[in-house]
Amino acid sequence: MDTLILDLLDPEEARTPPMAIKNYSDEFKAGAVALYESTPGATYKSIAADLGINRATLRQWALRERERRGVDPAAPPTGGKTPARAGQTAPAADPDGLIRTS
């Protein structure tokens, strides 16, 4: 029965192994979150790309770290940013623009 299913798939897909689940050390996770939170103007996408990880993974780590510290997970990180001055626009509340999960 397994060969029947594989025969229905594209031959190249049938030979491609599934993506491996990656395990990152706690130190790597903490460093990634610290880098994101300390980099002015950083986005999950930019930091994740620099580190070679998935954007959603970095976002999840950051949200967990904020919860652990008792910080509102929806609040944007300060990231060394200063409040907008007169005549300047404030940074977007969400570092990736608008991320909707519903």
Protein backbone atom coordinates (compact mmCIF):
# COMPACT_ATOMS: atom_id res chain seq x y z
CA MET A 1 0.00 0.00 0.00
CA ASP A 2 2.87 2.40 0.72
CA THR A 3 4.27 1.91 -2.76
CA LEU A 4 0.88 2.77 -4.24
CA ILE A 5 0.93 6.09 -2.43
CA LEU A 6 4.50 6.77 -3.49
CA ASP A 7 3.61 5.95 -7.09
CA LEU A 8 0.97 8.67 -7.00
CA LEU A 9 3.46 11.28 -5.86
CA ASP A 10 5.87 13.12 -8.04
CA PRO A 11 8.99 10.88 -8.29
CA GLU A 12 11.23 13.70 -7.05
CA GLU A 13 9.01 14.33 -4.02
CA ALA A 14 8.98 10.63 -3.20
CA ARG A 15 12.80 10.67 -2.95
CA THR A 16 13.04 13.84 -0.86
CA PRO A 17 13.35 13.01 2.83
CA PRO A 18 11.08 14.93 5.22
CA MET A 19 12.50 18.05 6.85
CA ALA A 20 14.36 17.21 10.04
CA ILE A 21 13.19 18.72 13.30
CA LYS A 22 15.92 20.97 14.63
CA ASN A 23 16.69 21.26 18.31
CA TYR A 24 18.28 24.50 19.44
CA SER A 25 20.07 24.95 22.74
CA ASP A 26 18.59 27.21 25.40
CA GLU A 27 21.64 29.46 25.00
CA PHE A 28 21.01 29.83 21.26
CA LYS A 29 17.35 30.66 21.85
CA ALA A 30 18.19 33.22 24.52
CA GLY A 31 20.84 34.79 22.31
CA ALA A 32 18.47 34.99 19.34
CA VAL A 33 15.78 36.68 21.44
CA ALA A 34 18.32 39.06 22.99
CA LEU A 35 19.62 39.98 19.54
CA TYR A 36 16.10 40.65 18.28
CA GLU A 37 15.14 42.73 21.31
CA SER A 38 18.36 44.76 21.35
CA THR A 39 18.52 45.57 17.64
CA PRO A 40 16.82 48.87 16.75
CA GLY A 41 14.35 48.45 13.91
CA ALA A 42 14.75 44.67 13.88
CA THR A 43 12.03 42.41 12.57
CA TYR A 44 11.53 38.75 13.28
CA LYS A 45 12.10 38.13 9.59
CA SER A 46 15.43 39.96 9.41
CA ILE A 47 16.93 38.46 12.55
CA ALA A 48 15.65 34.96 11.71
CA ALA A 49 17.17 35.19 8.23
CA ASP A 50 20.52 36.28 9.71
CA LEU A 51 20.47 33.31 12.10
CA GLY A 52 19.16 30.78 9.57
CA ILE A 53 16.00 29.99 11.50
CA ASN A 54 12.30 30.26 10.77
CA ARG A 55 10.64 33.62 11.50
CA ALA A 56 7.75 31.99 13.36
CA THR A 57 10.20 30.06 15.54
CA LEU A 58 11.98 33.25 16.63
CA ARG A 59 8.63 34.94 17.26
CA GLN A 60 7.52 32.05 19.46
CA TRP A 61 10.75 32.16 21.45
CA ALA A 62 10.37 35.93 21.96
CA LEU A 63 6.75 35.60 23.08
CA ARG A 64 7.65 32.85 25.56
CA GLU A 65 10.51 34.94 26.95
CA ARG A 66 8.22 37.95 27.42
CA GLU A 67 5.66 35.78 29.23
CA ARG A 68 8.42 34.36 31.42
CA ARG A 69 9.48 37.90 32.40
CA GLY A 70 5.88 38.95 33.02
CA VAL A 71 5.86 41.39 30.11
CA ASP A 72 2.76 41.71 27.93
CA PRO A 73 3.51 39.45 24.94
CA ALA A 74 1.61 41.85 22.65
CA ALA A 75 3.79 44.82 23.62
CA PRO A 76 6.53 45.64 21.13
CA PRO A 77 10.10 45.19 22.35
CA THR A 78 11.97 48.37 23.20
CA GLY A 79 14.98 47.15 21.23
CA GLY A 80 16.95 50.26 21.98
CA LYS A 81 14.33 52.32 20.16
CA THR A 82 13.49 55.76 21.40
CA PRO A 83 10.00 57.20 21.25
CA ALA A 84 9.16 59.13 18.11
CA ARG A 85 10.03 62.80 18.20
CA ALA A 86 7.78 65.56 16.95
CA GLY A 87 7.40 65.29 13.21
CA GLN A 88 8.46 61.63 13.12
CA THR A 89 6.19 58.64 12.89
CA ALA A 90 6.23 56.06 15.63
CA PRO A 91 7.45 52.55 14.73
CA ALA A 92 4.79 49.97 13.93
CA ALA A 93 3.47 48.13 16.97
CA ASP A 94 4.21 44.79 15.35
CA PRO A 95 7.81 44.38 14.15
CA ASP A 96 6.75 42.46 11.03
CA GLY A 97 4.05 44.84 10.03
CA LEU A 98 0.73 43.17 10.53
CA ILE A 99 0.80 39.56 11.62
CA ARG A 100 -2.64 38.07 12.00
CA THR A 101 -3.10 34.57 13.37
CA SER A 102 -6.85 34.25 12.95
